[in-house]
Amino acid sequence: MAIERYVLLKLHPEHATPEGREAVVAESRRALAQVTGVRAVWAGVPADEASAKSWDVALRVTLDDVAAISAYLDDPVHQAYVDGFLAPRVSFKKVWNFAPA
């Protein structure tokens, strides 16, 4: 059963620009697609003003199953992406995992 992992990112002000958001979207798609157990990656920016007040980038990562979450978090590609790319850009994030009902 596939798992959907939702991640909402609030960027530091210097990265919360159209170019900064697009850089996070592009790198998220590129890096996360390489992580073992990832079936699909979707990344986007707020579509309306209300959303843009709270978040800069949204991610949805489809994983094989619940067991894949741990492997995903421990994967060296994921760790390099989070520690090396996201950490300097992100001021706050929220993460949730959902399974189909």
PDB file of N, CA and C in Angstrom:
ATOM      1  N   MET A   1       0.834  -1.167   0.000  1.00  0.00           N
ATOM      2  CA  MET A   1       0.000   0.000   0.000  1.00  0.00           C
ATOM      3  C   MET A   1       0.890   1.245   0.000  1.00  0.00           C
ATOM      4  N   ALA A   2       0.713   2.108  -0.972  1.00  0.00           N
ATOM      5  CA  ALA A   2       1.527   3.317  -1.093  1.00  0.00           C
ATOM      6  C   ALA A   2       1.220   4.299   0.043  1.00  0.00           C
ATOM      7  N   ILE A   3       2.220   5.053   0.408  1.00  0.00           N
ATOM      8  CA  ILE A   3       2.111   6.089   1.430  1.00  0.00           C
ATOM      9  C   ILE A   3       2.371   7.442   0.761  1.00  0.00           C
ATOM     10  N   GLU A   4       1.564   8.423   1.101  1.00  0.00           N
ATOM     11  CA  GLU A   4       1.777   9.791   0.614  1.00  0.00           C
ATOM     12  C   GLU A   4       2.367  10.611   1.755  1.00  0.00           C
ATOM     13  N   ARG A   5       3.527  11.186   1.526  1.00  0.00           N
ATOM     14  CA  ARG A   5       4.208  12.030   2.520  1.00  0.00           C
ATOM     15  C   ARG A   5       4.066  13.477   2.062  1.00  0.00           C
ATOM     16  N   TYR A   6       3.418  14.291   2.872  1.00  0.00           N
ATOM     17  CA  TYR A   6       3.185  15.699   2.567  1.00  0.00           C
ATOM     18  C   TYR A   6       4.141  16.554   3.395  1.00  0.00           C
ATOM     19  N   VAL A   7       4.818  17.462   2.733  1.00  0.00           N
ATOM     20  CA  VAL A   7       5.782  18.342   3.395  1.00  0.00           C
ATOM     21  C   VAL A   7       5.475  19.773   2.967  1.00  0.00           C
ATOM     22  N   LEU A   8       5.270  20.644   3.953  1.00  0.00           N
ATOM     23  CA  LEU A   8       5.059  22.063   3.689  1.00  0.00           C
ATOM     24  C   LEU A   8       6.260  22.827   4.218  1.00  0.00           C
ATOM     25  N   LEU A   9       6.804  23.733   3.395  1.00  0.00           N
ATOM     26  CA  LEU A   9       8.032  24.450   3.724  1.00  0.00           C
ATOM     27  C   LEU A   9       7.807  25.951   3.762  1.00  0.00           C
ATOM     28  N   LYS A  10       8.296  26.569   4.815  1.00  0.00           N
ATOM     29  CA  LYS A  10       8.354  28.027   4.920  1.00  0.00           C
ATOM     30  C   LYS A  10       9.826  28.398   4.777  1.00  0.00           C
ATOM     31  N   LEU A  11      10.140  29.193   3.793  1.00  0.00           N
ATOM     32  CA  LEU A  11      11.523  29.551   3.508  1.00  0.00           C
ATOM     33  C   LEU A  11      11.940  30.800   4.278  1.00  0.00           C
ATOM     34  N   HIS A  12      13.249  30.913   4.506  1.00  0.00           N
ATOM     35  CA  HIS A  12      13.792  32.149   5.058  1.00  0.00           C
ATOM     36  C   HIS A  12      13.476  33.279   4.070  1.00  0.00           C
ATOM     37  N   PRO A  13      13.277  34.496   4.553  1.00  0.00           N
ATOM     38  CA  PRO A  13      12.881  35.604   3.668  1.00  0.00           C
ATOM     39  C   PRO A  13      13.756  35.771   2.427  1.00  0.00           C
ATOM     40  N   GLU A  14      15.049  35.578   2.560  1.00  0.00           N
ATOM     41  CA  GLU A  14      15.924  35.761   1.390  1.00  0.00           C
ATOM     42  C   GLU A  14      15.725  34.691   0.314  1.00  0.00           C
ATOM     43  N   HIS A  15      15.065  33.583   0.667  1.00  0.00           N
ATOM     44  CA  HIS A  15      14.769  32.515  -0.303  1.00  0.00           C
ATOM     45  C   HIS A  15      13.300  32.497  -0.697  1.00  0.00           C
ATOM     46  N   ALA A  16      12.474  33.287  -0.021  1.00  0.00           N
ATOM     47  CA  ALA A  16      11.029  33.313  -0.278  1.00  0.00           C
ATOM     48  C   ALA A  16      10.712  34.280  -1.418  1.00  0.00           C
ATOM     49  N   THR A  17      11.356  34.029  -2.533  1.00  0.00           N
ATOM     50  CA  THR A  17      11.169  34.804  -3.763  1.00  0.00           C
ATOM     51  C   THR A  17      10.709  33.836  -4.840  1.00  0.00           C
ATOM     52  N   PRO A  18      10.180  34.326  -5.945  1.00  0.00           N
ATOM     53  CA  PRO A  18       9.817  33.393  -7.020  1.00  0.00           C
ATOM     54  C   PRO A  18      10.997  32.509  -7.444  1.00  0.00           C
ATOM     55  N   GLU A  19      12.185  33.096  -7.544  1.00  0.00           N
ATOM     56  CA  GLU A  19      13.363  32.319  -7.945  1.00  0.00           C
ATOM     57  C   GLU A  19      13.765  31.319  -6.869  1.00  0.00           C
ATOM     58  N   GLY A  20      13.709  31.739  -5.617  1.00  0.00           N
ATOM     59  CA  GLY A  20      14.052  30.852  -4.513  1.00  0.00           C
ATOM     60  C   GLY A  20      13.101  29.681  -4.398  1.00  0.00           C
ATOM     61  N   ARG A  21      11.806  29.958  -4.541  1.00  0.00           N
ATOM     62  CA  ARG A  21      10.803  28.884  -4.497  1.00  0.00           C
ATOM     63  C   ARG A  21      11.023  27.901  -5.643  1.00  0.00           C
ATOM     64  N   GLU A  22      11.256  28.435  -6.829  1.00  0.00           N
ATOM     65  CA  GLU A  22      11.453  27.560  -7.992  1.00  0.00           C
ATOM     66  C   GLU A  22      12.710  26.715  -7.842  1.00  0.00           C
ATOM     67  N   ALA A  23      13.756  27.263  -7.229  1.00  0.00           N
ATOM     68  CA  ALA A  23      14.974  26.480  -6.983  1.00  0.00           C
ATOM     69  C   ALA A  23      14.685  25.316  -6.036  1.00  0.00           C
ATOM     70  N   VAL A  24      13.887  25.556  -5.006  1.00  0.00           N
ATOM     71  CA  VAL A  24      13.533  24.484  -4.067  1.00  0.00           C
ATOM     72  C   VAL A  24      12.668  23.442  -4.760  1.00  0.00           C
ATOM     73  N   VAL A  25      11.718  23.871  -5.559  1.00  0.00           N
ATOM     74  CA  VAL A  25      10.875  22.931  -6.310  1.00  0.00           C
ATOM     75  C   VAL A  25      11.730  22.055  -7.224  1.00  0.00           C
ATOM     76  N   ALA A  26      12.605  22.674  -8.002  1.00  0.00           N
ATOM     77  CA  ALA A  26      13.427  21.927  -8.964  1.00  0.00           C
ATOM     78  C   ALA A  26      14.360  20.946  -8.262  1.00  0.00           C
ATOM     79  N   GLU A  27      15.042  21.397  -7.220  1.00  0.00           N
ATOM     80  CA  GLU A  27      15.974  20.501  -6.525  1.00  0.00           C
ATOM     81  C   GLU A  27      15.230  19.400  -5.781  1.00  0.00           C
ATOM     82  N   SER A  28      14.068  19.696  -5.253  1.00  0.00           N
ATOM     83  CA  SER A  28      13.271  18.670  -4.574  1.00  0.00           C
ATOM     84  C   SER A  28      12.872  17.571  -5.550  1.00  0.00           C
ATOM     85  N   ARG A  29      12.402  17.967  -6.707  1.00  0.00           N
ATOM     86  CA  ARG A  29      12.030  16.969  -7.730  1.00  0.00           C
ATOM     87  C   ARG A  29      13.237  16.132  -8.129  1.00  0.00           C
ATOM     88  N   ARG A  30      14.352  16.788  -8.359  1.00  0.00           N
ATOM     89  CA  ARG A  30      15.553  16.080  -8.814  1.00  0.00           C
ATOM     90  C   ARG A  30      16.077  15.128  -7.749  1.00  0.00           C
ATOM     91  N   ALA A  31      16.291  15.641  -6.549  1.00  0.00           N
ATOM     92  CA  ALA A  31      16.929  14.846  -5.495  1.00  0.00           C
ATOM     93  C   ALA A  31      16.023  13.729  -4.984  1.00  0.00           C
ATOM     94  N   LEU A  32      14.776  14.051  -4.684  1.00  0.00           N
ATOM     95  CA  LEU A  32      13.903  13.050  -4.072  1.00  0.00           C
ATOM     96  C   LEU A  32      13.548  11.913  -5.023  1.00  0.00           C
ATOM     97  N   ALA A  33      13.559  12.173  -6.322  1.00  0.00           N
ATOM     98  CA  ALA A  33      13.297  11.112  -7.295  1.00  0.00           C
ATOM     99  C   ALA A  33      14.384  10.040  -7.273  1.00  0.00           C
ATOM    100  N   GLN A  34      15.550  10.364  -6.721  1.00  0.00           N
ATOM    101  CA  GLN A  34      16.670   9.420  -6.667  1.00  0.00           C
ATOM    102  C   GLN A  34      16.671   8.550  -5.409  1.00  0.00           C
ATOM    103  N   VAL A  35      15.794   8.856  -4.462  1.00  0.00           N
ATOM    104  CA  VAL A  35      15.792   8.138  -3.188  1.00  0.00           C
ATOM    105  C   VAL A  35      15.097   6.789  -3.362  1.00  0.00           C
ATOM    106  N   THR A  36      15.722   5.740  -2.854  1.00  0.00           N
ATOM    107  CA  THR A  36      15.165   4.396  -2.945  1.00  0.00           C
ATOM    108  C   THR A  36      13.790   4.350  -2.286  1.00  0.00           C
ATOM    109  N   GLY A  37      12.840   3.707  -2.952  1.00  0.00           N
ATOM    110  CA  GLY A  37      11.494   3.556  -2.409  1.00  0.00           C
ATOM    111  C   GLY A  37      10.538   4.655  -2.808  1.00  0.00           C
ATOM    112  N   VAL A  38      11.043   5.706  -3.467  1.00  0.00           N
ATOM    113  CA  VAL A  38      10.181   6.803  -3.896  1.00  0.00           C
ATOM    114  C   VAL A  38       9.566   6.442  -5.250  1.00  0.00           C
ATOM    115  N   ARG A  39       8.246   6.461  -5.297  1.00  0.00           N
ATOM    116  CA  ARG A  39       7.525   6.177  -6.544  1.00  0.00           C
ATOM    117  C   ARG A  39       7.297   7.433  -7.372  1.00  0.00           C
ATOM    118  N   ALA A  40       7.029   8.553  -6.688  1.00  0.00           N
ATOM    119  CA  ALA A  40       6.722   9.796  -7.399  1.00  0.00           C
ATOM    120  C   ALA A  40       7.001  10.981  -6.480  1.00  0.00           C
ATOM    121  N   VAL A  41       7.288  12.117  -7.115  1.00  0.00           N
ATOM    122  CA  VAL A  41       7.507  13.367  -6.383  1.00  0.00           C
ATOM    123  C   VAL A  41       6.700  14.453  -7.075  1.00  0.00           C
ATOM    124  N   TRP A  42       5.939  15.187  -6.294  1.00  0.00           N
ATOM    125  CA  TRP A  42       5.231  16.371  -6.771  1.00  0.00           C
ATOM    126  C   TRP A  42       5.706  17.534  -5.928  1.00  0.00           C
ATOM    127  N   ALA A  43       5.968  18.666  -6.552  1.00  0.00           N
ATOM    128  CA  ALA A  43       6.382  19.859  -5.822  1.00  0.00           C
ATOM    129  C   ALA A  43       5.730  21.061  -6.476  1.00  0.00           C
ATOM    130  N   GLY A  44       5.259  22.002  -5.636  1.00  0.00           N
ATOM    131  CA  GLY A  44       4.614  23.181  -6.180  1.00  0.00           C
ATOM    132  C   GLY A  44       4.678  24.358  -5.232  1.00  0.00           C
ATOM    133  N   VAL A  45       4.203  25.485  -5.734  1.00  0.00           N
ATOM    134  CA  VAL A  45       4.185  26.740  -4.969  1.00  0.00           C
ATOM    135  C   VAL A  45       2.733  27.118  -4.707  1.00  0.00           C
ATOM    136  N   PRO A  46       2.491  28.024  -3.764  1.00  0.00           N
ATOM    137  CA  PRO A  46       1.116  28.406  -3.439  1.00  0.00           C
ATOM    138  C   PRO A  46       0.352  28.933  -4.658  1.00  0.00           C
ATOM    139  N   ALA A  47      -0.908  28.546  -4.721  1.00  0.00           N
ATOM    140  CA  ALA A  47      -1.755  28.962  -5.842  1.00  0.00           C
ATOM    141  C   ALA A  47      -2.595  30.191  -5.519  1.00  0.00           C
ATOM    142  N   ASP A  48      -2.642  30.575  -4.239  1.00  0.00           N
ATOM    143  CA  ASP A  48      -3.443  31.735  -3.858  1.00  0.00           C
ATOM    144  C   ASP A  48      -2.750  32.497  -2.729  1.00  0.00           C
ATOM    145  N   GLU A  49      -3.230  33.700  -2.496  1.00  0.00           N
ATOM    146  CA  GLU A  49      -2.602  34.585  -1.526  1.00  0.00           C
ATOM    147  C   GLU A  49      -2.659  34.028  -0.101  1.00  0.00           C
ATOM    148  N   ALA A  50      -3.769  33.417   0.260  1.00  0.00           N
ATOM    149  CA  ALA A  50      -3.903  32.868   1.613  1.00  0.00           C
ATOM    150  C   ALA A  50      -2.867  31.780   1.868  1.00  0.00           C
ATOM    151  N   SER A  51      -2.654  30.913   0.903  1.00  0.00           N
ATOM    152  CA  SER A  51      -1.647  29.855   1.050  1.00  0.00           C
ATOM    153  C   SER A  51      -0.244  30.440   1.116  1.00  0.00           C
ATOM    154  N   ALA A  52       0.003  31.442   0.297  1.00  0.00           N
ATOM    155  CA  ALA A  52       1.333  32.059   0.239  1.00  0.00           C
ATOM    156  C   ALA A  52       1.717  32.757   1.539  1.00  0.00           C
ATOM    157  N   LYS A  53       0.750  33.149   2.341  1.00  0.00           N
ATOM    158  CA  LYS A  53       1.053  33.777   3.623  1.00  0.00           C
ATOM    159  C   LYS A  53       1.660  32.784   4.606  1.00  0.00           C
ATOM    160  N   SER A  54       1.328  31.496   4.444  1.00  0.00           N
ATOM    161  CA  SER A  54       1.789  30.487   5.390  1.00  0.00           C
ATOM    162  C   SER A  54       2.928  29.630   4.879  1.00  0.00           C
ATOM    163  N   TRP A  55       2.938  29.317   3.574  1.00  0.00           N
ATOM    164  CA  TRP A  55       3.892  28.350   3.038  1.00  0.00           C
ATOM    165  C   TRP A  55       4.475  28.846   1.728  1.00  0.00           C
ATOM    166  N   ASP A  56       5.697  28.395   1.440  1.00  0.00           N
ATOM    167  CA  ASP A  56       6.356  28.760   0.182  1.00  0.00           C
ATOM    168  C   ASP A  56       6.408  27.617  -0.816  1.00  0.00           C
ATOM    169  N   VAL A  57       6.542  26.391  -0.322  1.00  0.00           N
ATOM    170  CA  VAL A  57       6.645  25.218  -1.192  1.00  0.00           C
ATOM    171  C   VAL A  57       5.908  24.057  -0.530  1.00  0.00           C
ATOM    172  N   ALA A  58       5.211  23.280  -1.342  1.00  0.00           N
ATOM    173  CA  ALA A  58       4.578  22.048  -0.880  1.00  0.00           C
ATOM    174  C   ALA A  58       5.168  20.882  -1.660  1.00  0.00           C
ATOM    175  N   LEU A  59       5.402  19.784  -0.960  1.00  0.00           N
ATOM    176  CA  LEU A  59       5.921  18.560  -1.578  1.00  0.00           C
ATOM    177  C   LEU A  59       4.981  17.410  -1.258  1.00  0.00           C
ATOM    178  N   ARG A  60       4.833  16.502  -2.200  1.00  0.00           N
ATOM    179  CA  ARG A  60       4.148  15.233  -1.951  1.00  0.00           C
ATOM    180  C   ARG A  60       5.038  14.135  -2.516  1.00  0.00           C
ATOM    181  N   VAL A  61       5.443  13.237  -1.646  1.00  0.00           N
ATOM    182  CA  VAL A  61       6.325  12.139  -2.043  1.00  0.00           C
ATOM    183  C   VAL A  61       5.553  10.843  -1.853  1.00  0.00           C
ATOM    184  N   THR A  62       5.451  10.060  -2.910  1.00  0.00           N
ATOM    185  CA  THR A  62       4.779   8.770  -2.836  1.00  0.00           C
ATOM    186  C   THR A  62       5.830   7.699  -2.583  1.00  0.00           C
ATOM    187  N   LEU A  63       5.649   6.974  -1.474  1.00  0.00           N
ATOM    188  CA  LEU A  63       6.577   5.908  -1.081  1.00  0.00           C
ATOM    189  C   LEU A  63       5.889   4.554  -1.217  1.00  0.00           C
ATOM    190  N   ASP A  64       6.691   3.507  -1.310  1.00  0.00           N
ATOM    191  CA  ASP A  64       6.158   2.167  -1.510  1.00  0.00           C
ATOM    192  C   ASP A  64       5.201   1.728  -0.410  1.00  0.00           C
ATOM    193  N   ASP A  65       5.593   1.940   0.840  1.00  0.00           N
ATOM    194  CA  ASP A  65       4.796   1.475   1.971  1.00  0.00           C
ATOM    195  C   ASP A  65       5.311   2.130   3.244  1.00  0.00           C
ATOM    196  N   VAL A  66       4.715   1.792   4.389  1.00  0.00           N
ATOM    197  CA  VAL A  66       5.113   2.399   5.659  1.00  0.00           C
ATOM    198  C   VAL A  66       6.578   2.109   5.967  1.00  0.00           C
ATOM    199  N   ALA A  67       7.037   0.910   5.684  1.00  0.00           N
ATOM    200  CA  ALA A  67       8.429   0.554   5.949  1.00  0.00           C
ATOM    201  C   ALA A  67       9.391   1.428   5.154  1.00  0.00           C
ATOM    202  N   ALA A  68       8.948   1.921   4.025  1.00  0.00           N
ATOM    203  CA  ALA A  68       9.817   2.744   3.179  1.00  0.00           C
ATOM    204  C   ALA A  68      10.104   4.110   3.795  1.00  0.00           C
ATOM    205  N   ILE A  69       9.292   4.546   4.761  1.00  0.00           N
ATOM    206  CA  ILE A  69       9.516   5.861   5.373  1.00  0.00           C
ATOM    207  C   ILE A  69      10.871   5.897   6.077  1.00  0.00           C
ATOM    208  N   SER A  70      11.168   4.878   6.871  1.00  0.00           N
ATOM    209  CA  SER A  70      12.453   4.837   7.579  1.00  0.00           C
ATOM    210  C   SER A  70      13.620   4.789   6.608  1.00  0.00           C
ATOM    211  N   ALA A  71      13.499   3.956   5.586  1.00  0.00           N
ATOM    212  CA  ALA A  71      14.566   3.859   4.595  1.00  0.00           C
ATOM    213  C   ALA A  71      14.743   5.192   3.865  1.00  0.00           C
ATOM    214  N   TYR A  72      13.648   5.851   3.561  1.00  0.00           N
ATOM    215  CA  TYR A  72      13.665   7.160   2.905  1.00  0.00           C
ATOM    216  C   TYR A  72      14.411   8.179   3.763  1.00  0.00           C
ATOM    217  N   LEU A  73      14.085   8.237   5.042  1.00  0.00           N
ATOM    218  CA  LEU A  73      14.718   9.196   5.944  1.00  0.00           C
ATOM    219  C   LEU A  73      16.208   8.928   6.120  1.00  0.00           C
ATOM    220  N   ASP A  74      16.607   7.655   6.081  1.00  0.00           N
ATOM    221  CA  ASP A  74      18.001   7.273   6.276  1.00  0.00           C
ATOM    222  C   ASP A  74      18.824   7.273   4.992  1.00  0.00           C
ATOM    223  N   ASP A  75      18.170   7.381   3.848  1.00  0.00           N
ATOM    224  CA  ASP A  75      18.868   7.330   2.564  1.00  0.00           C
ATOM    225  C   ASP A  75      19.868   8.492   2.476  1.00  0.00           C
ATOM    226  N   PRO A  76      21.122   8.210   2.069  1.00  0.00           N
ATOM    227  CA  PRO A  76      22.135   9.272   1.972  1.00  0.00           C
ATOM    228  C   PRO A  76      21.755  10.409   1.020  1.00  0.00           C
ATOM    229  N   VAL A  77      21.022  10.102  -0.039  1.00  0.00           N
ATOM    230  CA  VAL A  77      20.588  11.160  -0.971  1.00  0.00           C
ATOM    231  C   VAL A  77      19.597  12.080  -0.263  1.00  0.00           C
ATOM    232  N   HIS A  78      18.660  11.498   0.483  1.00  0.00           N
ATOM    233  CA  HIS A  78      17.687  12.295   1.223  1.00  0.00           C
ATOM    234  C   HIS A  78      18.376  13.134   2.292  1.00  0.00           C
ATOM    235  N   GLN A  79      19.311  12.541   3.010  1.00  0.00           N
ATOM    236  CA  GLN A  79      20.015  13.272   4.061  1.00  0.00           C
ATOM    237  C   GLN A  79      20.822  14.436   3.494  1.00  0.00           C
ATOM    238  N   ALA A  80      21.477  14.224   2.362  1.00  0.00           N
ATOM    239  CA  ALA A  80      22.256  15.297   1.727  1.00  0.00           C
ATOM    240  C   ALA A  80      21.326  16.416   1.260  1.00  0.00           C
ATOM    241  N   TYR A  81      20.187  16.062   0.720  1.00  0.00           N
ATOM    242  CA  TYR A  81      19.197  17.044   0.273  1.00  0.00           C
ATOM    243  C   TYR A  81      18.693  17.872   1.464  1.00  0.00           C
ATOM    244  N   VAL A  82      18.300  17.200   2.549  1.00  0.00           N
ATOM    245  CA  VAL A  82      17.760  17.902   3.717  1.00  0.00           C
ATOM    246  C   VAL A  82      18.841  18.743   4.402  1.00  0.00           C
ATOM    247  N   ASP A  83      19.982  18.125   4.690  1.00  0.00           N
ATOM    248  CA  ASP A  83      21.030  18.819   5.448  1.00  0.00           C
ATOM    249  C   ASP A  83      21.781  19.856   4.612  1.00  0.00           C
ATOM    250  N   GLY A  84      22.081  19.513   3.378  1.00  0.00           N
ATOM    251  CA  GLY A  84      22.908  20.388   2.556  1.00  0.00           C
ATOM    252  C   GLY A  84      22.141  21.414   1.757  1.00  0.00           C
ATOM    253  N   PHE A  85      20.932  21.061   1.308  1.00  0.00           N
ATOM    254  CA  PHE A  85      20.179  21.980   0.460  1.00  0.00           C
ATOM    255  C   PHE A  85      19.055  22.679   1.225  1.00  0.00           C
ATOM    256  N   LEU A  86      18.175  21.915   1.867  1.00  0.00           N
ATOM    257  CA  LEU A  86      17.018  22.529   2.529  1.00  0.00           C
ATOM    258  C   LEU A  86      17.364  23.316   3.781  1.00  0.00           C
ATOM    259  N   ALA A  87      18.192  22.765   4.640  1.00  0.00           N
ATOM    260  CA  ALA A  87      18.449  23.380   5.950  1.00  0.00           C
ATOM    261  C   ALA A  87      18.805  24.866   5.862  1.00  0.00           C
ATOM    262  N   PRO A  88      19.668  25.284   4.941  1.00  0.00           N
ATOM    263  CA  PRO A  88      19.999  26.711   4.884  1.00  0.00           C
ATOM    264  C   PRO A  88      18.847  27.588   4.358  1.00  0.00           C
ATOM    265  N   ARG A  89      17.845  26.983   3.723  1.00  0.00           N
ATOM    266  CA  ARG A  89      16.775  27.732   3.077  1.00  0.00           C
ATOM    267  C   ARG A  89      15.468  27.747   3.868  1.00  0.00           C
ATOM    268  N   VAL A  90      15.248  26.737   4.702  1.00  0.00           N
ATOM    269  CA  VAL A  90      13.945  26.529   5.339  1.00  0.00           C
ATOM    270  C   VAL A  90      13.955  27.019   6.784  1.00  0.00           C
ATOM    271  N   SER A  91      12.952  27.821   7.127  1.00  0.00           N
ATOM    272  CA  SER A  91      12.813  28.281   8.510  1.00  0.00           C
ATOM    273  C   SER A  91      11.853  27.406   9.305  1.00  0.00           C
ATOM    274  N   PHE A  92      10.913  26.731   8.610  1.00  0.00           N
ATOM    275  CA  PHE A  92       9.915  25.918   9.298  1.00  0.00           C
ATOM    276  C   PHE A  92       9.344  24.909   8.321  1.00  0.00           C
ATOM    277  N   LYS A  93       9.072  23.705   8.811  1.00  0.00           N
ATOM    278  CA  LYS A  93       8.431  22.706   7.946  1.00  0.00           C
ATOM    279  C   LYS A  93       7.469  21.868   8.775  1.00  0.00           C
ATOM    280  N   LYS A  94       6.467  21.341   8.078  1.00  0.00           N
ATOM    281  CA  LYS A  94       5.496  20.411   8.646  1.00  0.00           C
ATOM    282  C   LYS A  94       5.475  19.187   7.750  1.00  0.00           C
ATOM    283  N   VAL A  95       5.370  18.002   8.377  1.00  0.00           N
ATOM    284  CA  VAL A  95       5.390  16.760   7.610  1.00  0.00           C
ATOM    285  C   VAL A  95       4.298  15.834   8.122  1.00  0.00           C
ATOM    286  N   TRP A  96       3.563  15.225   7.193  1.00  0.00           N
ATOM    287  CA  TRP A  96       2.548  14.227   7.540  1.00  0.00           C
ATOM    288  C   TRP A  96       2.630  13.075   6.549  1.00  0.00           C
ATOM    289  N   ASN A  97       2.284  11.869   7.030  1.00  0.00           N
ATOM    290  CA  ASN A  97       2.217  10.665   6.189  1.00  0.00           C
ATOM    291  C   ASN A  97       0.784  10.144   6.194  1.00  0.00           C
ATOM    292  N   PHE A  98       0.274   9.792   5.016  1.00  0.00           N
ATOM    293  CA  PHE A  98      -1.086   9.286   4.894  1.00  0.00           C
ATOM    294  C   PHE A  98      -1.105   8.012   4.059  1.00  0.00           C
ATOM    295  N   ALA A  99      -2.009   7.118   4.424  1.00  0.00           N
ATOM    296  CA  ALA A  99      -2.245   5.882   3.679  1.00  0.00           C
ATOM    297  C   ALA A  99      -3.652   5.934   3.097  1.00  0.00           C
ATOM    298  N   PRO A 100      -3.877   5.260   1.976  1.00  0.00           N
ATOM    299  CA  PRO A 100      -5.233   5.239   1.413  1.00  0.00           C
ATOM    300  C   PRO A 100      -6.193   4.520   2.362  1.00  0.00           C
ATOM    301  N   ALA A 101      -7.421   4.984   2.387  1.00  0.00           N
ATOM    302  CA  ALA A 101      -8.442   4.374   3.253  1.00  0.00           C
ATOM    303  C   ALA A 101      -9.142   3.258   2.523  1.00  0.00           C
TER     304      ALA A 101
END
